[in-house]
Amino acid sequence: MSWRAEFERRSGPSLRRLAALPRWSVLVGVVVLLVGGLLLHGAVAALLLGVLAAFLGWLLMLSWPALQPVPRLLRLLVVAALVGIAVTRF
């Protein structure tokens, strides 16, 4: 089994849990992590932004084969920007 298939298989239960949540709850969680990470300082801000970057990076990895090059690049830049901001907040 390829690493990609294994990654998708292991992500399945988490994706099912996410899909079972109300749609607005994921958006609220993302906004809370982003706003908290931007308004706070220090390790807490870095942690919040790091969690958000990891979540968006995970979704990017899952959607990578279905994306065209430009959307891939834009999403990758968002994740990289979050990591960069998290490092500067720390």
PDB file of N, CA and C in Angstrom:
ATOM      1  N   MET A   1       0.845  -1.176   0.000  1.00  0.00           N
ATOM      2  CA  MET A   1       0.000   0.000   0.000  1.00  0.00           C
ATOM      3  C   MET A   1       0.892   1.242   0.000  1.00  0.00           C
ATOM      4  N   SER A   2       0.554   2.201  -0.853  1.00  0.00           N
ATOM      5  CA  SER A   2       1.351   3.417  -0.949  1.00  0.00           C
ATOM      6  C   SER A   2       1.117   4.302   0.276  1.00  0.00           C
ATOM      7  N   TRP A   3       2.040   5.224   0.495  1.00  0.00           N
ATOM      8  CA  TRP A   3       1.912   6.117   1.647  1.00  0.00           C
ATOM      9  C   TRP A   3       0.664   6.984   1.509  1.00  0.00           C
ATOM     10  N   ARG A   4       0.324   7.332   0.265  1.00  0.00           N
ATOM     11  CA  ARG A   4      -0.857   8.165   0.020  1.00  0.00           C
ATOM     12  C   ARG A   4      -2.138   7.411   0.426  1.00  0.00           C
ATOM     13  N   ALA A   5      -2.249   6.169  -0.012  1.00  0.00           N
ATOM     14  CA  ALA A   5      -3.424   5.365   0.331  1.00  0.00           C
ATOM     15  C   ALA A   5      -3.513   5.146   1.839  1.00  0.00           C
ATOM     16  N   GLU A   6      -2.380   4.928   2.473  1.00  0.00           N
ATOM     17  CA  GLU A   6      -2.354   4.746   3.926  1.00  0.00           C
ATOM     18  C   GLU A   6      -2.766   6.031   4.647  1.00  0.00           C
ATOM     19  N   PHE A   7      -2.277   7.167   4.158  1.00  0.00           N
ATOM     20  CA  PHE A   7      -2.642   8.465   4.729  1.00  0.00           C
ATOM     21  C   PHE A   7      -4.148   8.697   4.611  1.00  0.00           C
ATOM     22  N   GLU A   8      -4.709   8.420   3.442  1.00  0.00           N
ATOM     23  CA  GLU A   8      -6.144   8.594   3.239  1.00  0.00           C
ATOM     24  C   GLU A   8      -6.945   7.626   4.115  1.00  0.00           C
ATOM     25  N   ARG A   9      -6.464   6.392   4.242  1.00  0.00           N
ATOM     26  CA  ARG A   9      -7.157   5.407   5.065  1.00  0.00           C
ATOM     27  C   ARG A   9      -7.180   5.848   6.527  1.00  0.00           C
ATOM     28  N   ARG A  10      -6.045   6.319   7.018  1.00  0.00           N
ATOM     29  CA  ARG A  10      -5.967   6.756   8.416  1.00  0.00           C
ATOM     30  C   ARG A  10      -6.749   8.047   8.673  1.00  0.00           C
ATOM     31  N   SER A  11      -6.941   8.849   7.632  1.00  0.00           N
ATOM     32  CA  SER A  11      -7.700  10.091   7.774  1.00  0.00           C
ATOM     33  C   SER A  11      -9.198   9.867   7.734  1.00  0.00           C
ATOM     34  N   GLY A  12      -9.620   8.714   7.260  1.00  0.00           N
ATOM     35  CA  GLY A  12     -11.042   8.436   7.102  1.00  0.00           C
ATOM     36  C   GLY A  12     -11.889   8.658   8.337  1.00  0.00           C
ATOM     37  N   PRO A  13     -11.538   8.073   9.490  1.00  0.00           N
ATOM     38  CA  PRO A  13     -12.370   8.286  10.684  1.00  0.00           C
ATOM     39  C   PRO A  13     -12.474   9.756  11.098  1.00  0.00           C
ATOM     40  N   SER A  14     -11.386  10.490  10.999  1.00  0.00           N
ATOM     41  CA  SER A  14     -11.424  11.917  11.355  1.00  0.00           C
ATOM     42  C   SER A  14     -12.299  12.699  10.385  1.00  0.00           C
ATOM     43  N   LEU A  15     -12.214  12.359   9.114  1.00  0.00           N
ATOM     44  CA  LEU A  15     -13.055  13.037   8.124  1.00  0.00           C
ATOM     45  C   LEU A  15     -14.533  12.729   8.346  1.00  0.00           C
ATOM     46  N   ARG A  16     -14.839  11.513   8.727  1.00  0.00           N
ATOM     47  CA  ARG A  16     -16.230  11.160   9.015  1.00  0.00           C
ATOM     48  C   ARG A  16     -16.749  11.947  10.221  1.00  0.00           C
ATOM     49  N   ARG A  17     -15.905  12.119  11.241  1.00  0.00           N
ATOM     50  CA  ARG A  17     -16.312  12.914  12.406  1.00  0.00           C
ATOM     51  C   ARG A  17     -16.529  14.373  12.019  1.00  0.00           C
ATOM     52  N   LEU A  18     -15.634  14.917  11.189  1.00  0.00           N
ATOM     53  CA  LEU A  18     -15.793  16.292  10.721  1.00  0.00           C
ATOM     54  C   LEU A  18     -17.069  16.449   9.907  1.00  0.00           C
ATOM     55  N   ALA A  19     -17.349  15.482   9.049  1.00  0.00           N
ATOM     56  CA  ALA A  19     -18.543  15.553   8.204  1.00  0.00           C
ATOM     57  C   ALA A  19     -19.818  15.463   9.030  1.00  0.00           C
ATOM     58  N   ALA A  20     -19.761  14.834  10.189  1.00  0.00           N
ATOM     59  CA  ALA A  20     -20.939  14.699  11.043  1.00  0.00           C
ATOM     60  C   ALA A  20     -21.243  15.983  11.812  1.00  0.00           C
ATOM     61  N   LEU A  21     -20.269  16.866  11.929  1.00  0.00           N
ATOM     62  CA  LEU A  21     -20.480  18.132  12.639  1.00  0.00           C
ATOM     63  C   LEU A  21     -21.314  19.079  11.786  1.00  0.00           C
ATOM     64  N   PRO A  22     -21.998  20.020  12.424  1.00  0.00           N
ATOM     65  CA  PRO A  22     -22.675  21.062  11.636  1.00  0.00           C
ATOM     66  C   PRO A  22     -21.639  21.845  10.826  1.00  0.00           C
ATOM     67  N   ARG A  23     -22.000  22.224   9.622  1.00  0.00           N
ATOM     68  CA  ARG A  23     -21.036  22.904   8.742  1.00  0.00           C
ATOM     69  C   ARG A  23     -20.456  24.165   9.361  1.00  0.00           C
ATOM     70  N   TRP A  24     -21.257  24.905  10.089  1.00  0.00           N
ATOM     71  CA  TRP A  24     -20.789  26.159  10.653  1.00  0.00           C
ATOM     72  C   TRP A  24     -19.740  25.944  11.741  1.00  0.00           C
ATOM     73  N   SER A  25     -19.740  24.791  12.398  1.00  0.00           N
ATOM     74  CA  SER A  25     -18.835  24.585  13.533  1.00  0.00           C
ATOM     75  C   SER A  25     -17.368  24.538  13.105  1.00  0.00           C
ATOM     76  N   VAL A  26     -17.094  23.974  11.939  1.00  0.00           N
ATOM     77  CA  VAL A  26     -15.704  23.943  11.460  1.00  0.00           C
ATOM     78  C   VAL A  26     -15.244  25.364  11.137  1.00  0.00           C
ATOM     79  N   LEU A  27     -16.108  26.142  10.503  1.00  0.00           N
ATOM     80  CA  LEU A  27     -15.771  27.531  10.194  1.00  0.00           C
ATOM     81  C   LEU A  27     -15.530  28.337  11.465  1.00  0.00           C
ATOM     82  N   VAL A  28     -16.380  28.151  12.454  1.00  0.00           N
ATOM     83  CA  VAL A  28     -16.206  28.857  13.727  1.00  0.00           C
ATOM     84  C   VAL A  28     -14.880  28.458  14.377  1.00  0.00           C
ATOM     85  N   GLY A  29     -14.552  27.179  14.341  1.00  0.00           N
ATOM     86  CA  GLY A  29     -13.276  26.722  14.901  1.00  0.00           C
ATOM     87  C   GLY A  29     -12.086  27.344  14.207  1.00  0.00           C
ATOM     88  N   VAL A  30     -12.128  27.417  12.888  1.00  0.00           N
ATOM     89  CA  VAL A  30     -11.036  28.031  12.128  1.00  0.00           C
ATOM     90  C   VAL A  30     -10.916  29.512  12.470  1.00  0.00           C
ATOM     91  N   VAL A  31     -12.036  30.202  12.537  1.00  0.00           N
ATOM     92  CA  VAL A  31     -12.012  31.637  12.857  1.00  0.00           C
ATOM     93  C   VAL A  31     -11.484  31.872  14.270  1.00  0.00           C
ATOM     94  N   VAL A  32     -11.906  31.051  15.214  1.00  0.00           N
ATOM     95  CA  VAL A  32     -11.436  31.201  16.603  1.00  0.00           C
ATOM     96  C   VAL A  32      -9.921  30.994  16.677  1.00  0.00           C
ATOM     97  N   LEU A  33      -9.428  29.963  16.007  1.00  0.00           N
ATOM     98  CA  LEU A  33      -7.976  29.723  16.017  1.00  0.00           C
ATOM     99  C   LEU A  33      -7.222  30.873  15.354  1.00  0.00           C
ATOM    100  N   LEU A  34      -7.719  31.365  14.228  1.00  0.00           N
ATOM    101  CA  LEU A  34      -7.040  32.448  13.520  1.00  0.00           C
ATOM    102  C   LEU A  34      -7.062  33.747  14.319  1.00  0.00           C
ATOM    103  N   VAL A  35      -8.218  34.153  14.773  1.00  0.00           N
ATOM    104  CA  VAL A  35      -8.328  35.412  15.524  1.00  0.00           C
ATOM    105  C   VAL A  35      -7.557  35.319  16.838  1.00  0.00           C
ATOM    106  N   GLY A  36      -7.686  34.191  17.536  1.00  0.00           N
ATOM    107  CA  GLY A  36      -6.923  34.020  18.772  1.00  0.00           C
ATOM    108  C   GLY A  36      -5.430  34.071  18.532  1.00  0.00           C
ATOM    109  N   GLY A  37      -4.978  33.422  17.464  1.00  0.00           N
ATOM    110  CA  GLY A  37      -3.555  33.435  17.154  1.00  0.00           C
ATOM    111  C   GLY A  37      -3.036  34.796  16.753  1.00  0.00           C
ATOM    112  N   LEU A  38      -3.891  35.604  16.121  1.00  0.00           N
ATOM    113  CA  LEU A  38      -3.457  36.937  15.702  1.00  0.00           C
ATOM    114  C   LEU A  38      -3.548  37.965  16.815  1.00  0.00           C
ATOM    115  N   LEU A  39      -4.489  37.786  17.730  1.00  0.00           N
ATOM    116  CA  LEU A  39      -4.648  38.763  18.815  1.00  0.00           C
ATOM    117  C   LEU A  39      -3.739  38.496  20.004  1.00  0.00           C
ATOM    118  N   LEU A  40      -3.436  37.247  20.265  1.00  0.00           N
ATOM    119  CA  LEU A  40      -2.579  36.900  21.398  1.00  0.00           C
ATOM    120  C   LEU A  40      -1.110  36.955  20.990  1.00  0.00           C
ATOM    121  N   HIS A  41      -0.248  36.806  21.962  1.00  0.00           N
ATOM    122  CA  HIS A  41       1.192  36.809  21.709  1.00  0.00           C
ATOM    123  C   HIS A  41       1.827  35.633  22.438  1.00  0.00           C
ATOM    124  N   GLY A  42       3.031  35.329  22.048  1.00  0.00           N
ATOM    125  CA  GLY A  42       3.784  34.292  22.738  1.00  0.00           C
ATOM    126  C   GLY A  42       3.437  32.894  22.277  1.00  0.00           C
ATOM    127  N   ALA A  43       3.690  31.949  23.164  1.00  0.00           N
ATOM    128  CA  ALA A  43       3.534  30.533  22.836  1.00  0.00           C
ATOM    129  C   ALA A  43       2.084  30.151  22.564  1.00  0.00           C
ATOM    130  N   VAL A  44       1.142  30.801  23.241  1.00  0.00           N
ATOM    131  CA  VAL A  44      -0.273  30.480  23.027  1.00  0.00           C
ATOM    132  C   VAL A  44      -0.678  30.835  21.598  1.00  0.00           C
ATOM    133  N   ALA A  45      -0.275  32.003  21.137  1.00  0.00           N
ATOM    134  CA  ALA A  45      -0.585  32.420  19.765  1.00  0.00           C
ATOM    135  C   ALA A  45       0.064  31.484  18.759  1.00  0.00           C
ATOM    136  N   ALA A  46       1.313  31.135  19.000  1.00  0.00           N
ATOM    137  CA  ALA A  46       2.016  30.226  18.097  1.00  0.00           C
ATOM    138  C   ALA A  46       1.332  28.859  18.066  1.00  0.00           C
ATOM    139  N   LEU A  47       0.876  28.394  19.215  1.00  0.00           N
ATOM    140  CA  LEU A  47       0.189  27.113  19.280  1.00  0.00           C
ATOM    141  C   LEU A  47      -1.124  27.148  18.492  1.00  0.00           C
ATOM    142  N   LEU A  48      -1.911  28.199  18.687  1.00  0.00           N
ATOM    143  CA  LEU A  48      -3.178  28.317  17.967  1.00  0.00           C
ATOM    144  C   LEU A  48      -2.965  28.353  16.459  1.00  0.00           C
ATOM    145  N   LEU A  49      -2.016  29.154  16.015  1.00  0.00           N
ATOM    146  CA  LEU A  49      -1.736  29.233  14.581  1.00  0.00           C
ATOM    147  C   LEU A  49      -1.115  27.946  14.056  1.00  0.00           C
ATOM    148  N   GLY A  50      -0.315  27.286  14.874  1.00  0.00           N
ATOM    149  CA  GLY A  50       0.264  26.004  14.467  1.00  0.00           C
ATOM    150  C   GLY A  50      -0.786  24.926  14.296  1.00  0.00           C
ATOM    151  N   VAL A  51      -1.760  24.902  15.199  1.00  0.00           N
ATOM    152  CA  VAL A  51      -2.861  23.938  15.083  1.00  0.00           C
ATOM    153  C   VAL A  51      -3.662  24.222  13.817  1.00  0.00           C
ATOM    154  N   LEU A  52      -3.923  25.485  13.550  1.00  0.00           N
ATOM    155  CA  LEU A  52      -4.657  25.851  12.336  1.00  0.00           C
ATOM    156  C   LEU A  52      -3.867  25.483  11.081  1.00  0.00           C
ATOM    157  N   ALA A  53      -2.570  25.740  11.081  1.00  0.00           N
ATOM    158  CA  ALA A  53      -1.733  25.387   9.930  1.00  0.00           C
ATOM    159  C   ALA A  53      -1.702  23.874   9.724  1.00  0.00           C
ATOM    160  N   ALA A  54      -1.634  23.118  10.805  1.00  0.00           N
ATOM    161  CA  ALA A  54      -1.630  21.657  10.689  1.00  0.00           C
ATOM    162  C   ALA A  54      -2.959  21.152  10.133  1.00  0.00           C
ATOM    163  N   PHE A  55      -4.061  21.718  10.600  1.00  0.00           N
ATOM    164  CA  PHE A  55      -5.378  21.318  10.115  1.00  0.00           C
ATOM    165  C   PHE A  55      -5.529  21.626   8.626  1.00  0.00           C
ATOM    166  N   LEU A  56      -5.175  22.852   8.233  1.00  0.00           N
ATOM    167  CA  LEU A  56      -5.290  23.218   6.822  1.00  0.00           C
ATOM    168  C   LEU A  56      -4.301  22.440   5.957  1.00  0.00           C
ATOM    169  N   GLY A  57      -3.124  22.157   6.494  1.00  0.00           N
ATOM    170  CA  GLY A  57      -2.154  21.336   5.762  1.00  0.00           C
ATOM    171  C   GLY A  57      -2.657  19.919   5.550  1.00  0.00           C
ATOM    172  N   TRP A  58      -3.324  19.373   6.568  1.00  0.00           N
ATOM    173  CA  TRP A  58      -3.912  18.037   6.464  1.00  0.00           C
ATOM    174  C   TRP A  58      -4.984  18.013   5.372  1.00  0.00           C
ATOM    175  N   LEU A  59      -5.853  19.028   5.372  1.00  0.00           N
ATOM    176  CA  LEU A  59      -6.877  19.102   4.330  1.00  0.00           C
ATOM    177  C   LEU A  59      -6.254  19.299   2.952  1.00  0.00           C
ATOM    178  N   LEU A  60      -5.185  20.072   2.888  1.00  0.00           N
ATOM    179  CA  LEU A  60      -4.489  20.263   1.615  1.00  0.00           C
ATOM    180  C   LEU A  60      -3.908  18.953   1.106  1.00  0.00           C
ATOM    181  N   MET A  61      -3.302  18.190   1.992  1.00  0.00           N
ATOM    182  CA  MET A  61      -2.753  16.889   1.579  1.00  0.00           C
ATOM    183  C   MET A  61      -3.838  15.965   1.040  1.00  0.00           C
ATOM    184  N   LEU A  62      -4.988  15.979   1.677  1.00  0.00           N
ATOM    185  CA  LEU A  62      -6.081  15.119   1.235  1.00  0.00           C
ATOM    186  C   LEU A  62      -6.650  15.562  -0.114  1.00  0.00           C
ATOM    187  N   SER A  63      -6.707  16.859  -0.343  1.00  0.00           N
ATOM    188  CA  SER A  63      -7.305  17.357  -1.577  1.00  0.00           C
ATOM    189  C   SER A  63      -6.296  17.553  -2.711  1.00  0.00           C
ATOM    190  N   TRP A  64      -5.018  17.354  -2.453  1.00  0.00           N
ATOM    191  CA  TRP A  64      -3.963  17.620  -3.428  1.00  0.00           C
ATOM    192  C   TRP A  64      -4.220  16.999  -4.806  1.00  0.00           C
ATOM    193  N   PRO A  65      -4.569  15.719  -4.915  1.00  0.00           N
ATOM    194  CA  PRO A  65      -4.753  15.136  -6.256  1.00  0.00           C
ATOM    195  C   PRO A  65      -5.900  15.763  -7.055  1.00  0.00           C
ATOM    196  N   ALA A  66      -6.890  16.312  -6.375  1.00  0.00           N
ATOM    197  CA  ALA A  66      -8.054  16.867  -7.069  1.00  0.00           C
ATOM    198  C   ALA A  66      -7.872  18.329  -7.456  1.00  0.00           C
ATOM    199  N   LEU A  67      -6.837  18.978  -6.962  1.00  0.00           N
ATOM    200  CA  LEU A  67      -6.649  20.406  -7.202  1.00  0.00           C
ATOM    201  C   LEU A  67      -5.804  20.660  -8.444  1.00  0.00           C
ATOM    202  N   GLN A  68      -6.104  21.777  -9.094  1.00  0.00           N
ATOM    203  CA  GLN A  68      -5.278  22.266 -10.200  1.00  0.00           C
ATOM    204  C   GLN A  68      -4.065  22.981  -9.609  1.00  0.00           C
ATOM    205  N   PRO A  69      -3.031  23.251 -10.426  1.00  0.00           N
ATOM    206  CA  PRO A  69      -1.801  23.858  -9.887  1.00  0.00           C
ATOM    207  C   PRO A  69      -1.985  25.194  -9.163  1.00  0.00           C
ATOM    208  N   VAL A  70      -2.797  26.102  -9.690  1.00  0.00           N
ATOM    209  CA  VAL A  70      -2.937  27.415  -9.051  1.00  0.00           C
ATOM    210  C   VAL A  70      -3.622  27.303  -7.680  1.00  0.00           C
ATOM    211  N   PRO A  71      -4.751  26.596  -7.565  1.00  0.00           N
ATOM    212  CA  PRO A  71      -5.333  26.431  -6.217  1.00  0.00           C
ATOM    213  C   PRO A  71      -4.398  25.703  -5.244  1.00  0.00           C
ATOM    214  N   ARG A  72      -3.619  24.761  -5.754  1.00  0.00           N
ATOM    215  CA  ARG A  72      -2.630  24.087  -4.889  1.00  0.00           C
ATOM    216  C   ARG A  72      -1.660  25.111  -4.321  1.00  0.00           C
ATOM    217  N   LEU A  73      -1.122  25.944  -5.212  1.00  0.00           N
ATOM    218  CA  LEU A  73      -0.135  26.937  -4.797  1.00  0.00           C
ATOM    219  C   LEU A  73      -0.722  27.917  -3.798  1.00  0.00           C
ATOM    220  N   LEU A  74      -1.932  28.392  -4.053  1.00  0.00           N
ATOM    221  CA  LEU A  74      -2.549  29.348  -3.137  1.00  0.00           C
ATOM    222  C   LEU A  74      -2.769  28.742  -1.759  1.00  0.00           C
ATOM    223  N   ARG A  75      -3.246  27.526  -1.706  1.00  0.00           N
ATOM    224  CA  ARG A  75      -3.467  26.871  -0.415  1.00  0.00           C
ATOM    225  C   ARG A  75      -2.148  26.603   0.299  1.00  0.00           C
ATOM    226  N   LEU A  76      -1.137  26.239  -0.459  1.00  0.00           N
ATOM    227  CA  LEU A  76       0.187  26.018   0.120  1.00  0.00           C
ATOM    228  C   LEU A  76       0.752  27.319   0.689  1.00  0.00           C
ATOM    229  N   LEU A  77       0.525  28.428  -0.013  1.00  0.00           N
ATOM    230  CA  LEU A  77       0.982  29.724   0.487  1.00  0.00           C
ATOM    231  C   LEU A  77       0.264  30.118   1.778  1.00  0.00           C
ATOM    232  N   VAL A  78      -1.022  29.799   1.888  1.00  0.00           N
ATOM    233  CA  VAL A  78      -1.762  30.103   3.118  1.00  0.00           C
ATOM    234  C   VAL A  78      -1.180  29.326   4.293  1.00  0.00           C
ATOM    235  N   VAL A  79      -0.921  28.041   4.082  1.00  0.00           N
ATOM    236  CA  VAL A  79      -0.343  27.217   5.156  1.00  0.00           C
ATOM    237  C   VAL A  79       1.050  27.740   5.521  1.00  0.00           C
ATOM    238  N   ALA A  80       1.855  28.069   4.516  1.00  0.00           N
ATOM    239  CA  ALA A  80       3.203  28.594   4.783  1.00  0.00           C
ATOM    240  C   ALA A  80       3.129  29.929   5.525  1.00  0.00           C
ATOM    241  N   ALA A  81       2.180  30.784   5.159  1.00  0.00           N
ATOM    242  CA  ALA A  81       2.030  32.072   5.846  1.00  0.00           C
ATOM    243  C   ALA A  81       1.641  31.862   7.302  1.00  0.00           C
ATOM    244  N   LEU A  82       0.748  30.921   7.561  1.00  0.00           N
ATOM    245  CA  LEU A  82       0.366  30.631   8.950  1.00  0.00           C
ATOM    246  C   LEU A  82       1.551  30.132   9.760  1.00  0.00           C
ATOM    247  N   VAL A  83       2.350  29.276   9.165  1.00  0.00           N
ATOM    248  CA  VAL A  83       3.545  28.778   9.864  1.00  0.00           C
ATOM    249  C   VAL A  83       4.503  29.938  10.128  1.00  0.00           C
ATOM    250  N   GLY A  84       4.693  30.796   9.134  1.00  0.00           N
ATOM    251  CA  GLY A  84       5.578  31.954   9.313  1.00  0.00           C
ATOM    252  C   GLY A  84       5.097  32.891  10.403  1.00  0.00           C
ATOM    253  N   ILE A  85       3.810  33.164  10.428  1.00  0.00           N
ATOM    254  CA  ILE A  85       3.258  34.042  11.470  1.00  0.00           C
ATOM    255  C   ILE A  85       3.384  33.380  12.842  1.00  0.00           C
ATOM    256  N   ALA A  86       3.145  32.060  12.887  1.00  0.00           N
ATOM    257  CA  ALA A  86       3.272  31.340  14.162  1.00  0.00           C
ATOM    258  C   ALA A  86       4.697  31.428  14.695  1.00  0.00           C
ATOM    259  N   VAL A  87       5.671  31.314  13.812  1.00  0.00           N
ATOM    260  CA  VAL A  87       7.078  31.397  14.242  1.00  0.00           C
ATOM    261  C   VAL A  87       7.388  32.799  14.759  1.00  0.00           C
ATOM    262  N   THR A  88       6.878  33.823  14.095  1.00  0.00           N
ATOM    263  CA  THR A  88       7.166  35.181  14.562  1.00  0.00           C
ATOM    264  C   THR A  88       6.438  35.495  15.874  1.00  0.00           C
ATOM    265  N   ARG A  89       5.286  34.875  16.105  1.00  0.00           N
ATOM    266  CA  ARG A  89       4.549  35.098  17.359  1.00  0.00           C
ATOM    267  C   ARG A  89       5.254  34.436  18.547  1.00  0.00           C
ATOM    268  N   PHE A  90       5.992  33.376  18.279  1.00  0.00           N
ATOM    269  CA  PHE A  90       6.662  32.658  19.342  1.00  0.00           C
ATOM    270  C   PHE A  90       7.873  33.437  19.783  1.00  0.00           C
TER     271      PHE A  90
END
